[in-house]
Amino acid sequence: MRLMPTNCRRLLLATLALMLGVHCAALPAAAQRIVGTDPGKPFKDTSMIKPPPGAKVAIWEFEDLECPACARAHPMVVAAVEHYKVPFERKDFPLTQIHIWSTDAAIWARYLQDKVSPSVAGDYRTAVFAAQTSIASKDDLVQFTRRFFQQHGLQMPFVVDPAGQFRKEVFEDKALGDRLGVSSTPTILVCTQHEWVLVTDPTRLYQTIDQVEAQVGAVAARW
């Protein structure tokens, strides 16, 4: 049998390695499951869906403050975060094509998070979701926000985002969702370092976290 010249073998191996690398790069960064109804549209790049350093499990959510489904899911997500004491990676994903004031609400939430405190910003989001059906315009949102500031003893700024910093933060989240392939809200995920679970039925969030934590514990026990 005639052997392939050394240079040809090296070229072939390099080509195969390059092809394998391209193929692997196209694969999801972690295993995945779906709890609830399959949305039918696969995610694109899931490499960012991980807990923060030092955490074993986290909840990610892409939300729109004007989205009725987000309002329904919100108390269940917040309760799960508080019950399990897991990190919560909350991302803004305003559906600008159909919602007229969701971006403005997200900017106000970012202002409160950066200038007052994350807990007050969380309270604002909760209050917006609770009052969602009574907010029909941007003017309604401003009036609602003014009452929120007054009730919390805060001075409402005349211009909330003069340098565009908070809008930039909101649309950085939006770009991350676009990179993932988010197409609807809420998009809720429970993740570990090696797996993510898309939860399309928020009523099964506790059950999902229990299962994920049990799996993480079983893996840790084996090691």
N, C-alpha and C. Protein backbone atom coordinates (compact mmCIF):
# COMPACT_ATOMS: atom_id res chain seq x y z
N MET A 1 0.86 -1.20 0.00
CA MET A 1 0.00 0.00 0.00
C MET A 1 0.88 1.24 0.00
N ARG A 2 0.56 2.17 -0.87
CA ARG A 2 1.36 3.39 -0.99
C ARG A 2 0.93 4.39 0.08
N LEU A 3 1.89 4.87 0.88
CA LEU A 3 1.59 5.81 1.95
C LEU A 3 1.46 7.23 1.40
N MET A 4 0.61 7.99 2.04
CA MET A 4 0.43 9.39 1.66
C MET A 4 1.66 10.17 2.11
N PRO A 5 2.19 11.07 1.29
CA PRO A 5 3.34 11.90 1.71
C PRO A 5 3.03 12.65 3.00
N THR A 6 4.07 12.90 3.80
CA THR A 6 3.89 13.54 5.11
C THR A 6 3.19 14.88 5.01
N ASN A 7 3.58 15.71 4.05
CA ASN A 7 2.97 17.03 3.91
C ASN A 7 1.49 16.93 3.59
N CYS A 8 1.11 15.93 2.77
CA CYS A 8 -0.29 15.75 2.43
C CYS A 8 -1.10 15.30 3.63
N ARG A 9 -0.47 14.39 4.42
CA ARG A 9 -1.17 13.93 5.64
C ARG A 9 -1.42 15.09 6.59
N ARG A 10 -0.40 15.93 6.75
CA ARG A 10 -0.54 17.09 7.65
C ARG A 10 -1.64 18.03 7.15
N LEU A 11 -1.68 18.26 5.83
CA LEU A 11 -2.71 19.14 5.27
C LEU A 11 -4.10 18.56 5.48
N LEU A 12 -4.22 17.23 5.28
CA LEU A 12 -5.52 16.58 5.47
C LEU A 12 -5.97 16.67 6.92
N LEU A 13 -5.05 16.41 7.85
CA LEU A 13 -5.40 16.47 9.27
C LEU A 13 -5.79 17.89 9.67
N ALA A 14 -5.07 18.88 9.15
CA ALA A 14 -5.40 20.27 9.48
C ALA A 14 -6.78 20.64 8.94
N THR A 15 -7.09 20.15 7.73
CA THR A 15 -8.41 20.44 7.14
C THR A 15 -9.52 19.80 7.95
N LEU A 16 -9.30 18.54 8.36
CA LEU A 16 -10.30 17.85 9.19
C LEU A 16 -10.49 18.55 10.52
N ALA A 17 -9.40 19.00 11.12
CA ALA A 17 -9.50 19.70 12.41
C ALA A 17 -10.28 20.99 12.25
N LEU A 18 -10.04 21.72 11.16
CA LEU A 18 -10.75 22.97 10.92
C LEU A 18 -12.24 22.71 10.74
N MET A 19 -12.57 21.65 9.95
CA MET A 19 -13.97 21.32 9.73
C MET A 19 -14.65 20.93 11.03
N LEU A 20 -13.96 20.15 11.86
CA LEU A 20 -14.52 19.73 13.14
C LEU A 20 -14.73 20.93 14.05
N GLY A 21 -13.77 21.87 14.03
CA GLY A 21 -13.90 23.05 14.87
C GLY A 21 -15.09 23.91 14.48
N VAL A 22 -15.30 24.07 13.16
CA VAL A 22 -16.44 24.85 12.69
C VAL A 22 -17.74 24.17 13.09
N HIS A 23 -17.80 22.84 12.98
CA HIS A 23 -19.01 22.10 13.33
C HIS A 23 -19.31 22.25 14.82
N CYS A 24 -18.27 22.11 15.65
CA CYS A 24 -18.48 22.22 17.10
C CYS A 24 -18.91 23.62 17.49
N ALA A 25 -18.38 24.63 16.81
CA ALA A 25 -18.74 26.00 17.15
C ALA A 25 -20.20 26.26 16.89
N ALA A 26 -20.79 25.49 15.97
CA ALA A 26 -22.20 25.71 15.64
C ALA A 26 -23.14 25.01 16.61
N LEU A 27 -22.61 24.15 17.48
CA LEU A 27 -23.44 23.42 18.41
C LEU A 27 -23.76 24.26 19.64
N PRO A 28 -24.87 24.01 20.33
CA PRO A 28 -25.16 24.73 21.56
C PRO A 28 -24.07 24.51 22.59
N ALA A 29 -23.86 25.50 23.46
CA ALA A 29 -22.81 25.40 24.46
C ALA A 29 -23.17 24.43 25.56
N ALA A 30 -24.42 24.08 25.72
CA ALA A 30 -24.83 23.19 26.80
C ALA A 30 -26.05 22.40 26.36
N ALA A 31 -26.29 21.31 27.08
CA ALA A 31 -27.48 20.52 26.81
C ALA A 31 -28.71 21.35 27.17
N GLN A 32 -29.86 20.98 26.59
CA GLN A 32 -31.05 21.76 26.85
C GLN A 32 -32.29 20.89 26.89
N ARG A 33 -33.29 21.37 27.64
CA ARG A 33 -34.60 20.72 27.71
C ARG A 33 -35.67 21.81 27.67
N ILE A 34 -36.90 21.40 27.43
CA ILE A 34 -38.03 22.34 27.41
C ILE A 34 -39.09 21.82 28.36
N VAL A 35 -39.57 22.67 29.25
CA VAL A 35 -40.65 22.34 30.17
C VAL A 35 -41.85 23.19 29.78
N GLY A 36 -42.88 22.55 29.29
CA GLY A 36 -44.05 23.27 28.79
C GLY A 36 -44.17 23.04 27.30
N THR A 37 -44.80 23.97 26.63
CA THR A 37 -45.03 23.86 25.19
C THR A 37 -43.78 24.24 24.41
N ASP A 38 -43.38 23.39 23.49
CA ASP A 38 -42.21 23.67 22.66
C ASP A 38 -42.53 24.85 21.74
N PRO A 39 -41.76 25.95 21.83
CA PRO A 39 -42.05 27.12 20.98
C PRO A 39 -41.78 26.84 19.51
N GLY A 40 -41.04 25.77 19.21
CA GLY A 40 -40.83 25.37 17.82
C GLY A 40 -39.74 26.13 17.09
N LYS A 41 -39.15 27.14 17.74
CA LYS A 41 -38.08 27.91 17.10
C LYS A 41 -36.82 27.75 17.93
N PRO A 42 -35.82 27.00 17.44
CA PRO A 42 -34.63 26.74 18.25
C PRO A 42 -33.81 28.00 18.49
N PHE A 43 -33.14 28.03 19.63
CA PHE A 43 -32.23 29.14 19.91
C PHE A 43 -31.00 29.05 19.01
N LYS A 44 -30.31 30.17 18.88
CA LYS A 44 -29.14 30.23 18.01
C LYS A 44 -27.84 30.04 18.81
N ASP A 45 -27.48 31.00 19.61
CA ASP A 45 -26.24 30.94 20.39
C ASP A 45 -26.60 30.94 21.87
N THR A 46 -26.39 29.82 22.54
CA THR A 46 -26.76 29.70 23.95
C THR A 46 -25.55 29.78 24.87
N SER A 47 -24.41 30.20 24.35
CA SER A 47 -23.18 30.16 25.14
C SER A 47 -23.24 31.05 26.37
N MET A 48 -24.11 32.07 26.36
CA MET A 48 -24.17 32.98 27.51
C MET A 48 -25.05 32.46 28.64
N ILE A 49 -25.84 31.40 28.39
CA ILE A 49 -26.81 30.94 29.39
C ILE A 49 -26.11 30.07 30.43
N LYS A 50 -25.55 30.73 31.42
CA LYS A 50 -24.84 30.07 32.52
C LYS A 50 -25.09 30.84 33.81
N PRO A 51 -24.96 30.18 34.97
CA PRO A 51 -25.01 30.93 36.23
C PRO A 51 -23.77 31.82 36.34
N PRO A 52 -23.83 32.85 37.16
CA PRO A 52 -22.63 33.66 37.39
C PRO A 52 -21.57 32.84 38.11
N PRO A 53 -20.32 33.26 38.08
CA PRO A 53 -19.24 32.50 38.75
C PRO A 53 -19.58 32.21 40.22
N GLY A 54 -19.37 30.96 40.61
CA GLY A 54 -19.61 30.55 41.99
C GLY A 54 -21.00 30.03 42.26
N ALA A 55 -21.92 30.19 41.31
CA ALA A 55 -23.29 29.71 41.49
C ALA A 55 -23.49 28.43 40.67
N LYS A 56 -24.30 27.52 41.20
CA LYS A 56 -24.56 26.26 40.52
C LYS A 56 -25.81 26.33 39.64
N VAL A 57 -26.79 27.12 40.08
CA VAL A 57 -28.06 27.22 39.36
C VAL A 57 -28.46 28.69 39.31
N ALA A 58 -29.06 29.10 38.22
CA ALA A 58 -29.55 30.48 38.09
C ALA A 58 -30.81 30.48 37.24
N ILE A 59 -31.58 31.56 37.39
CA ILE A 59 -32.74 31.80 36.53
C ILE A 59 -32.43 32.98 35.62
N TRP A 60 -32.66 32.79 34.35
CA TRP A 60 -32.58 33.87 33.38
C TRP A 60 -33.99 34.18 32.89
N GLU A 61 -34.26 35.47 32.68
CA GLU A 61 -35.54 35.84 32.09
C GLU A 61 -35.37 37.05 31.18
N PHE A 62 -35.90 36.95 29.98
CA PHE A 62 -36.03 38.09 29.07
C PHE A 62 -37.47 38.55 29.16
N GLU A 63 -37.68 39.81 29.56
CA GLU A 63 -39.03 40.29 29.82
C GLU A 63 -39.30 41.62 29.14
N ASP A 64 -40.58 41.89 28.95
CA ASP A 64 -41.08 43.14 28.40
C ASP A 64 -42.12 43.64 29.39
N LEU A 65 -41.94 44.87 29.90
CA LEU A 65 -42.81 45.38 30.96
C LEU A 65 -44.24 45.66 30.49
N GLU A 66 -44.46 45.67 29.19
CA GLU A 66 -45.80 45.88 28.66
C GLU A 66 -46.46 44.56 28.23
N CYS A 67 -45.78 43.46 28.47
CA CYS A 67 -46.24 42.14 28.02
C CYS A 67 -47.16 41.50 29.06
N PRO A 68 -48.41 41.19 28.73
CA PRO A 68 -49.33 40.58 29.70
C PRO A 68 -48.84 39.21 30.20
N ALA A 69 -48.23 38.42 29.34
CA ALA A 69 -47.71 37.12 29.78
C ALA A 69 -46.58 37.30 30.78
N CYS A 70 -45.76 38.33 30.60
CA CYS A 70 -44.70 38.63 31.57
C CYS A 70 -45.31 39.02 32.91
N ALA A 71 -46.38 39.80 32.87
CA ALA A 71 -47.05 40.20 34.11
C ALA A 71 -47.59 38.99 34.86
N ARG A 72 -48.14 38.02 34.14
CA ARG A 72 -48.66 36.82 34.79
C ARG A 72 -47.52 35.97 35.36
N ALA A 73 -46.41 35.90 34.66
CA ALA A 73 -45.29 35.06 35.11
C ALA A 73 -44.49 35.72 36.23
N HIS A 74 -44.52 37.04 36.28
CA HIS A 74 -43.64 37.79 37.19
C HIS A 74 -43.70 37.33 38.65
N PRO A 75 -44.89 37.23 39.27
CA PRO A 75 -44.89 36.82 40.68
C PRO A 75 -44.35 35.42 40.89
N MET A 76 -44.52 34.54 39.93
CA MET A 76 -44.00 33.18 40.07
C MET A 76 -42.47 33.17 39.97
N VAL A 77 -41.93 33.97 39.07
CA VAL A 77 -40.47 34.04 38.93
C VAL A 77 -39.84 34.65 40.18
N VAL A 78 -40.41 35.77 40.65
CA VAL A 78 -39.87 36.43 41.84
C VAL A 78 -39.95 35.51 43.06
N ALA A 79 -41.06 34.81 43.21
CA ALA A 79 -41.22 33.89 44.34
C ALA A 79 -40.19 32.77 44.28
N ALA A 80 -39.91 32.26 43.06
CA ALA A 80 -38.93 31.18 42.91
C ALA A 80 -37.53 31.67 43.26
N VAL A 81 -37.20 32.87 42.82
CA VAL A 81 -35.88 33.44 43.14
C VAL A 81 -35.71 33.58 44.65
N GLU A 82 -36.73 34.08 45.32
CA GLU A 82 -36.66 34.27 46.77
C GLU A 82 -36.64 32.93 47.51
N HIS A 83 -37.43 31.96 47.03
CA HIS A 83 -37.52 30.66 47.70
C HIS A 83 -36.22 29.88 47.60
N TYR A 84 -35.64 29.85 46.41
CA TYR A 84 -34.44 29.02 46.19
C TYR A 84 -33.14 29.79 46.39
N LYS A 85 -33.23 31.10 46.56
CA LYS A 85 -32.03 31.92 46.77
C LYS A 85 -31.01 31.72 45.65
N VAL A 86 -31.48 31.74 44.42
CA VAL A 86 -30.60 31.57 43.27
C VAL A 86 -30.41 32.91 42.56
N PRO A 87 -29.30 33.09 41.86
CA PRO A 87 -29.11 34.33 41.10
C PRO A 87 -30.18 34.50 40.03
N PHE A 88 -30.55 35.75 39.79
CA PHE A 88 -31.59 36.07 38.81
C PHE A 88 -30.99 37.00 37.78
N GLU A 89 -30.82 36.49 36.57
CA GLU A 89 -30.29 37.29 35.46
C GLU A 89 -31.49 37.84 34.67
N ARG A 90 -31.93 39.02 35.05
CA ARG A 90 -33.09 39.64 34.40
C ARG A 90 -32.63 40.50 33.24
N LYS A 91 -33.22 40.25 32.07
CA LYS A 91 -32.83 40.97 30.86
C LYS A 91 -34.05 41.66 30.26
N ASP A 92 -33.87 42.90 29.86
CA ASP A 92 -34.95 43.63 29.18
C ASP A 92 -35.01 43.23 27.71
N PHE A 93 -36.21 42.96 27.24
CA PHE A 93 -36.40 42.62 25.83
C PHE A 93 -37.68 43.30 25.34
N PRO A 94 -37.65 44.63 25.22
CA PRO A 94 -38.86 45.34 24.79
C PRO A 94 -39.26 44.98 23.36
N LEU A 95 -40.52 44.63 23.20
CA LEU A 95 -41.05 44.29 21.88
C LEU A 95 -41.52 45.60 21.22
N THR A 96 -40.57 46.32 20.68
CA THR A 96 -40.82 47.69 20.23
C THR A 96 -41.80 47.77 19.07
N GLN A 97 -41.96 46.68 18.33
CA GLN A 97 -42.87 46.73 17.18
C GLN A 97 -44.33 46.78 17.60
N ILE A 98 -44.64 46.25 18.78
CA ILE A 98 -46.04 46.17 19.21
C ILE A 98 -46.34 46.88 20.52
N HIS A 99 -45.32 47.24 21.29
CA HIS A 99 -45.53 47.87 22.60
C HIS A 99 -44.96 49.28 22.61
N ILE A 100 -45.77 50.24 22.96
CA ILE A 100 -45.38 51.63 22.78
C ILE A 100 -44.62 52.22 23.97
N TRP A 101 -44.83 51.67 25.19
CA TRP A 101 -44.16 52.28 26.34
C TRP A 101 -43.22 51.35 27.10
N SER A 102 -43.02 50.13 26.61
CA SER A 102 -42.19 49.18 27.35
C SER A 102 -40.73 49.62 27.44
N THR A 103 -40.21 50.24 26.38
CA THR A 103 -38.82 50.71 26.43
C THR A 103 -38.66 51.80 27.47
N ASP A 104 -39.61 52.76 27.52
CA ASP A 104 -39.54 53.83 28.51
C ASP A 104 -39.60 53.28 29.93
N ALA A 105 -40.45 52.28 30.14
CA ALA A 105 -40.55 51.68 31.48
C ALA A 105 -39.25 51.00 31.86
N ALA A 106 -38.62 50.31 30.91
CA ALA A 106 -37.34 49.66 31.20
C ALA A 106 -36.27 50.69 31.53
N ILE A 107 -36.30 51.84 30.85
CA ILE A 107 -35.33 52.90 31.14
C ILE A 107 -35.53 53.44 32.54
N TRP A 108 -36.78 53.65 32.96
CA TRP A 108 -37.03 54.09 34.33
C TRP A 108 -36.55 53.05 35.34
N ALA A 109 -36.77 51.78 35.04
CA ALA A 109 -36.30 50.72 35.94
C ALA A 109 -34.78 50.74 36.05
N ARG A 110 -34.11 50.98 34.93
CA ARG A 110 -32.64 51.05 34.94
C ARG A 110 -32.15 52.27 35.74
N TYR A 111 -32.87 53.38 35.59
CA TYR A 111 -32.51 54.56 36.37
C TYR A 111 -32.58 54.24 37.88
N LEU A 112 -33.67 53.62 38.31
CA LEU A 112 -33.83 53.29 39.71
C LEU A 112 -32.78 52.28 40.18
N GLN A 113 -32.46 51.34 39.32
CA GLN A 113 -31.46 50.34 39.69
C GLN A 113 -30.08 50.97 39.88
N ASP A 114 -29.71 51.86 38.98
CA ASP A 114 -28.38 52.45 39.02
C ASP A 114 -28.27 53.62 40.00
N LYS A 115 -29.36 54.41 40.12
CA LYS A 115 -29.30 55.64 40.92
C LYS A 115 -29.88 55.49 42.33
N VAL A 116 -30.75 54.50 42.53
CA VAL A 116 -31.37 54.32 43.86
C VAL A 116 -30.94 52.98 44.44
N SER A 117 -31.55 51.89 44.01
CA SER A 117 -31.13 50.57 44.48
C SER A 117 -31.79 49.49 43.63
N PRO A 118 -31.17 48.32 43.52
CA PRO A 118 -31.80 47.23 42.77
C PRO A 118 -33.15 46.80 43.35
N SER A 119 -33.29 46.87 44.68
CA SER A 119 -34.55 46.45 45.30
C SER A 119 -35.69 47.40 44.92
N VAL A 120 -35.43 48.71 44.89
CA VAL A 120 -36.46 49.67 44.50
C VAL A 120 -36.79 49.49 43.01
N ALA A 121 -35.77 49.22 42.20
CA ALA A 121 -36.02 48.96 40.78
C ALA A 121 -36.91 47.72 40.62
N GLY A 122 -36.66 46.69 41.44
CA GLY A 122 -37.50 45.50 41.40
C GLY A 122 -38.93 45.81 41.81
N ASP A 123 -39.07 46.67 42.83
CA ASP A 123 -40.41 47.08 43.25
C ASP A 123 -41.13 47.84 42.14
N TYR A 124 -40.38 48.65 41.41
CA TYR A 124 -40.98 49.40 40.30
C TYR A 124 -41.47 48.45 39.21
N ARG A 125 -40.68 47.48 38.86
CA ARG A 125 -41.10 46.51 37.84
C ARG A 125 -42.35 45.77 38.30
N THR A 126 -42.36 45.36 39.57
CA THR A 126 -43.54 44.67 40.10
C THR A 126 -44.77 45.57 40.03
N ALA A 127 -44.59 46.84 40.39
CA ALA A 127 -45.72 47.79 40.36
C ALA A 127 -46.21 48.03 38.94
N VAL A 128 -45.28 48.12 37.98
CA VAL A 128 -45.67 48.31 36.58
C VAL A 128 -46.49 47.11 36.11
N PHE A 129 -46.03 45.91 36.41
CA PHE A 129 -46.78 44.72 36.00
C PHE A 129 -48.17 44.71 36.62
N ALA A 130 -48.26 45.10 37.89
CA ALA A 130 -49.55 45.09 38.57
C ALA A 130 -50.52 46.11 37.98
N ALA A 131 -49.98 47.25 37.52
CA ALA A 131 -50.82 48.33 36.98
C ALA A 131 -50.87 48.32 35.46
N GLN A 132 -50.34 47.29 34.85
CA GLN A 132 -50.15 47.26 33.40
C GLN A 132 -51.41 47.61 32.59
N THR A 133 -52.54 47.07 33.01
CA THR A 133 -53.77 47.27 32.23
C THR A 133 -54.28 48.71 32.29
N SER A 134 -53.80 49.48 33.25
CA SER A 134 -54.25 50.88 33.36
C SER A 134 -53.28 51.85 32.70
N ILE A 135 -52.20 51.34 32.12
CA ILE A 135 -51.21 52.18 31.44
C ILE A 135 -51.40 52.00 29.93
N ALA A 136 -52.00 52.99 29.31
CA ALA A 136 -52.35 52.86 27.89
C ALA A 136 -51.46 53.69 26.97
N SER A 137 -50.61 54.55 27.55
CA SER A 137 -49.81 55.44 26.72
C SER A 137 -48.53 55.81 27.47
N LYS A 138 -47.64 56.49 26.77
CA LYS A 138 -46.42 56.97 27.41
C LYS A 138 -46.73 58.00 28.49
N ASP A 139 -47.75 58.83 28.26
CA ASP A 139 -48.15 59.80 29.27
C ASP A 139 -48.66 59.10 30.52
N ASP A 140 -49.45 58.03 30.34
CA ASP A 140 -49.91 57.25 31.49
C ASP A 140 -48.73 56.70 32.27
N LEU A 141 -47.71 56.23 31.56
CA LEU A 141 -46.53 55.69 32.24
C LEU A 141 -45.82 56.76 33.05
N VAL A 142 -45.70 57.96 32.49
CA VAL A 142 -45.05 59.06 33.22
C VAL A 142 -45.83 59.37 34.50
N GLN A 143 -47.16 59.44 34.40
CA GLN A 143 -47.98 59.72 35.58
C GLN A 143 -47.84 58.60 36.61
N PHE A 144 -47.85 57.37 36.16
CA PHE A 144 -47.67 56.24 37.06
C PHE A 144 -46.31 56.32 37.75
N THR A 145 -45.27 56.62 36.98
CA THR A 145 -43.91 56.68 37.52
C THR A 145 -43.78 57.83 38.52
N ARG A 146 -44.42 58.95 38.23
CA ARG A 146 -44.39 60.08 39.16
C ARG A 146 -45.01 59.67 40.50
N ARG A 147 -46.14 58.97 40.47
CA ARG A 147 -46.77 58.51 41.72
C ARG A 147 -45.85 57.53 42.46
N PHE A 148 -45.18 56.67 41.72
CA PHE A 148 -44.27 55.71 42.35
C PHE A 148 -43.15 56.45 43.07
N PHE A 149 -42.56 57.44 42.43
CA PHE A 149 -41.48 58.21 43.05
C PHE A 149 -42.01 58.91 44.31
N GLN A 150 -43.19 59.53 44.23
CA GLN A 150 -43.75 60.22 45.39
C GLN A 150 -44.00 59.25 46.54
N GLN A 151 -44.55 58.09 46.24
CA GLN A 151 -44.85 57.10 47.28
C GLN A 151 -43.59 56.57 47.95
N HIS A 152 -42.46 56.62 47.24
CA HIS A 152 -41.21 56.11 47.81
C HIS A 152 -40.29 57.24 48.28
N GLY A 153 -40.83 58.44 48.33
CA GLY A 153 -40.05 59.57 48.83
C GLY A 153 -38.86 59.92 47.97
N LEU A 154 -39.01 59.76 46.66
CA LEU A 154 -37.91 60.00 45.73
C LEU A 154 -38.19 61.23 44.88
N GLN A 155 -37.11 61.91 44.50
CA GLN A 155 -37.22 63.06 43.61
C GLN A 155 -37.13 62.57 42.16
N MET A 156 -38.17 62.80 41.39
CA MET A 156 -38.18 62.35 40.00
C MET A 156 -37.37 63.31 39.14
N PRO A 157 -36.41 62.81 38.36
CA PRO A 157 -35.59 63.71 37.54
C PRO A 157 -36.41 64.31 36.40
N PHE A 158 -36.05 65.51 36.01
CA PHE A 158 -36.75 66.16 34.90
C PHE A 158 -36.48 65.41 33.59
N VAL A 159 -35.23 64.97 33.41
CA VAL A 159 -34.84 64.14 32.26
C VAL A 159 -34.21 62.88 32.82
N VAL A 160 -34.78 61.73 32.50
CA VAL A 160 -34.34 60.49 33.12
C VAL A 160 -33.02 59.98 32.56
N ASP A 161 -32.75 60.24 31.30
CA ASP A 161 -31.60 59.60 30.66
C ASP A 161 -30.92 60.55 29.68
N PRO A 162 -30.36 61.64 30.19
CA PRO A 162 -29.83 62.68 29.29
C PRO A 162 -28.70 62.19 28.38
N ALA A 163 -27.90 61.27 28.86
CA ALA A 163 -26.76 60.78 28.07
C ALA A 163 -27.06 59.50 27.30
N GLY A 164 -28.27 58.96 27.48
CA GLY A 164 -28.62 57.73 26.78
C GLY A 164 -28.03 56.47 27.38
N GLN A 165 -27.51 56.59 28.61
CA GLN A 165 -26.85 55.45 29.26
C GLN A 165 -27.82 54.29 29.49
N PHE A 166 -29.02 54.60 30.01
CA PHE A 166 -29.95 53.54 30.39
C PHE A 166 -30.60 52.90 29.16
N ARG A 167 -30.87 53.71 28.14
CA ARG A 167 -31.35 53.13 26.89
C ARG A 167 -30.31 52.17 26.31
N LYS A 168 -29.05 52.54 26.40
CA LYS A 168 -27.98 51.68 25.91
C LYS A 168 -27.99 50.35 26.66
N GLU A 169 -28.17 50.39 27.98
CA GLU A 169 -28.20 49.17 28.77
C GLU A 169 -29.38 48.28 28.37
N VAL A 170 -30.52 48.90 28.16
CA VAL A 170 -31.71 48.14 27.76
C VAL A 170 -31.47 47.44 26.43
N PHE A 171 -30.90 48.16 25.48
CA PHE A 171 -30.74 47.57 24.15
C PHE A 171 -29.52 46.66 24.06
N GLU A 172 -28.62 46.73 25.02
CA GLU A 172 -27.59 45.69 25.13
C GLU A 172 -28.24 44.37 25.53
N ASP A 173 -29.19 44.43 26.46
CA ASP A 173 -29.96 43.22 26.80
C ASP A 173 -30.73 42.72 25.58
N LYS A 174 -31.35 43.65 24.86
CA LYS A 174 -32.12 43.27 23.67
C LYS A 174 -31.23 42.58 22.64
N ALA A 175 -30.01 43.10 22.46
CA ALA A 175 -29.08 42.50 21.51
C ALA A 175 -28.67 41.10 21.97
N LEU A 176 -28.53 40.91 23.28
CA LEU A 176 -28.21 39.59 23.81
C LEU A 176 -29.34 38.61 23.52
N GLY A 177 -30.59 39.08 23.69
CA GLY A 177 -31.74 38.23 23.37
C GLY A 177 -31.81 37.91 21.89
N ASP A 178 -31.50 38.89 21.05
CA ASP A 178 -31.48 38.64 19.61
C ASP A 178 -30.41 37.61 19.25
N ARG A 179 -29.27 37.71 19.91
CA ARG A 179 -28.19 36.74 19.67
C ARG A 179 -28.62 35.33 20.08
N LEU A 180 -29.35 35.24 21.18
CA LEU A 180 -29.87 33.95 21.64
C LEU A 180 -30.94 33.42 20.69
N GLY A 181 -31.73 34.33 20.15
CA GLY A 181 -32.83 33.93 19.28
C GLY A 181 -34.17 34.06 19.97
N VAL A 182 -34.26 34.94 20.98
CA VAL A 182 -35.52 35.17 21.66
C VAL A 182 -36.52 35.77 20.68
N SER A 183 -37.72 35.22 20.67
CA SER A 183 -38.74 35.72 19.75
C SER A 183 -40.03 36.11 20.47
N SER A 184 -40.12 35.81 21.77
CA SER A 184 -41.32 36.15 22.53
C SER A 184 -40.94 36.33 23.99
N THR A 185 -41.82 36.98 24.72
CA THR A 185 -41.61 37.16 26.15
C THR A 185 -42.81 36.63 26.93
N PRO A 186 -42.59 36.15 28.15
CA PRO A 186 -41.29 35.99 28.79
C PRO A 186 -40.55 34.77 28.25
N THR A 187 -39.25 34.88 28.19
CA THR A 187 -38.40 33.71 27.94
C THR A 187 -37.67 33.42 29.24
N ILE A 188 -38.02 32.31 29.86
CA ILE A 188 -37.51 31.96 31.20
C ILE A 188 -36.67 30.70 31.08
N LEU A 189 -35.46 30.76 31.63
CA LEU A 189 -34.56 29.62 31.59
C LEU A 189 -33.99 29.34 32.97
N VAL A 190 -33.90 28.07 33.31
CA VAL A 190 -33.18 27.62 34.50
C VAL A 190 -31.90 26.97 34.00
N CYS A 191 -30.75 27.40 34.50
CA CYS A 191 -29.51 26.90 33.93
C CYS A 191 -28.50 26.49 34.99
N THR A 192 -27.63 25.57 34.59
CA THR A 192 -26.45 25.20 35.34
C THR A 192 -25.26 25.48 34.43
N GLN A 193 -24.08 25.04 34.86
CA GLN A 193 -22.91 25.23 34.01
C GLN A 193 -22.95 24.32 32.79
N HIS A 194 -23.79 23.28 32.80
CA HIS A 194 -23.77 22.29 31.72
C HIS A 194 -25.13 22.07 31.07
N GLU A 195 -26.16 22.75 31.54
CA GLU A 195 -27.49 22.51 31.00
C GLU A 195 -28.34 23.75 31.16
N TRP A 196 -29.28 23.95 30.24
CA TRP A 196 -30.30 24.97 30.44
C TRP A 196 -31.65 24.38 30.09
N VAL A 197 -32.66 24.84 30.82
CA VAL A 197 -34.02 24.36 30.64
C VAL A 197 -34.90 25.55 30.32
N LEU A 198 -35.56 25.53 29.18
CA LEU A 198 -36.51 26.58 28.81
C LEU A 198 -37.85 26.25 29.45
N VAL A 199 -38.35 27.16 30.29
CA VAL A 199 -39.60 26.94 31.02
C VAL A 199 -40.68 27.80 30.38
N THR A 200 -41.50 27.21 29.54
CA THR A 200 -42.58 27.96 28.89
C THR A 200 -43.86 27.92 29.70
N ASP A 201 -43.88 27.10 30.75
CA ASP A 201 -45.02 27.05 31.68
C ASP A 201 -44.53 27.47 33.06
N PRO A 202 -44.69 28.74 33.44
CA PRO A 202 -44.13 29.23 34.71
C PRO A 202 -44.66 28.49 35.94
N THR A 203 -45.83 27.85 35.82
CA THR A 203 -46.35 27.11 36.98
C THR A 203 -45.49 25.89 37.29
N ARG A 204 -44.61 25.52 36.39
CA ARG A 204 -43.72 24.37 36.61
C ARG A 204 -42.29 24.79 36.93
N LEU A 205 -42.14 26.06 37.31
CA LEU A 205 -40.81 26.58 37.59
C LEU A 205 -40.19 25.93 38.82
N TYR A 206 -40.96 25.81 39.91
CA TYR A 206 -40.44 25.18 41.13
C TYR A 206 -40.02 23.74 40.84
N GLN A 207 -40.87 23.01 40.16
CA GLN A 207 -40.59 21.62 39.82
C GLN A 207 -39.29 21.52 39.02
N THR A 208 -39.12 22.44 38.08
CA THR A 208 -37.92 22.43 37.24
C THR A 208 -36.67 22.70 38.06
N ILE A 209 -36.72 23.68 38.95
CA ILE A 209 -35.55 24.00 39.78
C ILE A 209 -35.22 22.83 40.69
N ASP A 210 -36.24 22.19 41.27
CA ASP A 210 -36.00 21.01 42.10
C ASP A 210 -35.24 19.95 41.32
N GLN A 211 -35.68 19.68 40.09
CA GLN A 211 -35.04 18.65 39.27
C GLN A 211 -33.61 19.04 38.91
N VAL A 212 -33.41 20.29 38.54
CA VAL A 212 -32.08 20.74 38.16
C VAL A 212 -31.13 20.70 39.36
N GLU A 213 -31.59 21.16 40.51
CA GLU A 213 -30.73 21.13 41.70
C GLU A 213 -30.41 19.69 42.10
N ALA A 214 -31.36 18.78 41.96
CA ALA A 214 -31.11 17.37 42.28
C ALA A 214 -30.05 16.79 41.34
N GLN A 215 -30.12 17.15 40.06
CA GLN A 215 -29.13 16.67 39.10
C GLN A 215 -27.75 17.21 39.42
N VAL A 216 -27.68 18.49 39.78
CA VAL A 216 -26.39 19.09 40.14
C VAL A 216 -25.83 18.39 41.37
N GLY A 217 -26.70 18.12 42.36
CA GLY A 217 -26.25 17.43 43.57
C GLY A 217 -25.77 16.02 43.29
N ALA A 218 -26.45 15.33 42.37
CA ALA A 218 -26.06 13.95 42.04
C ALA A 218 -24.69 13.94 41.36
N VAL A 219 -24.46 14.90 40.47
CA VAL A 219 -23.16 14.98 39.79
C VAL A 219 -22.07 15.29 40.80
N ALA A 220 -22.34 16.22 41.73
CA ALA A 220 -21.33 16.58 42.74
C ALA A 220 -21.01 15.39 43.62
N ALA A 221 -22.03 14.57 43.95
CA ALA A 221 -21.83 13.41 44.83
C ALA A 221 -20.92 12.38 44.16
N ARG A 222 -21.06 12.24 42.83
CA ARG A 222 -20.23 11.25 42.13
C ARG A 222 -18.77 11.64 42.14
N TRP A 223 -18.51 12.94 42.27
CA TRP A 223 -17.12 13.40 42.29
C TRP A 223 -16.60 13.58 43.71
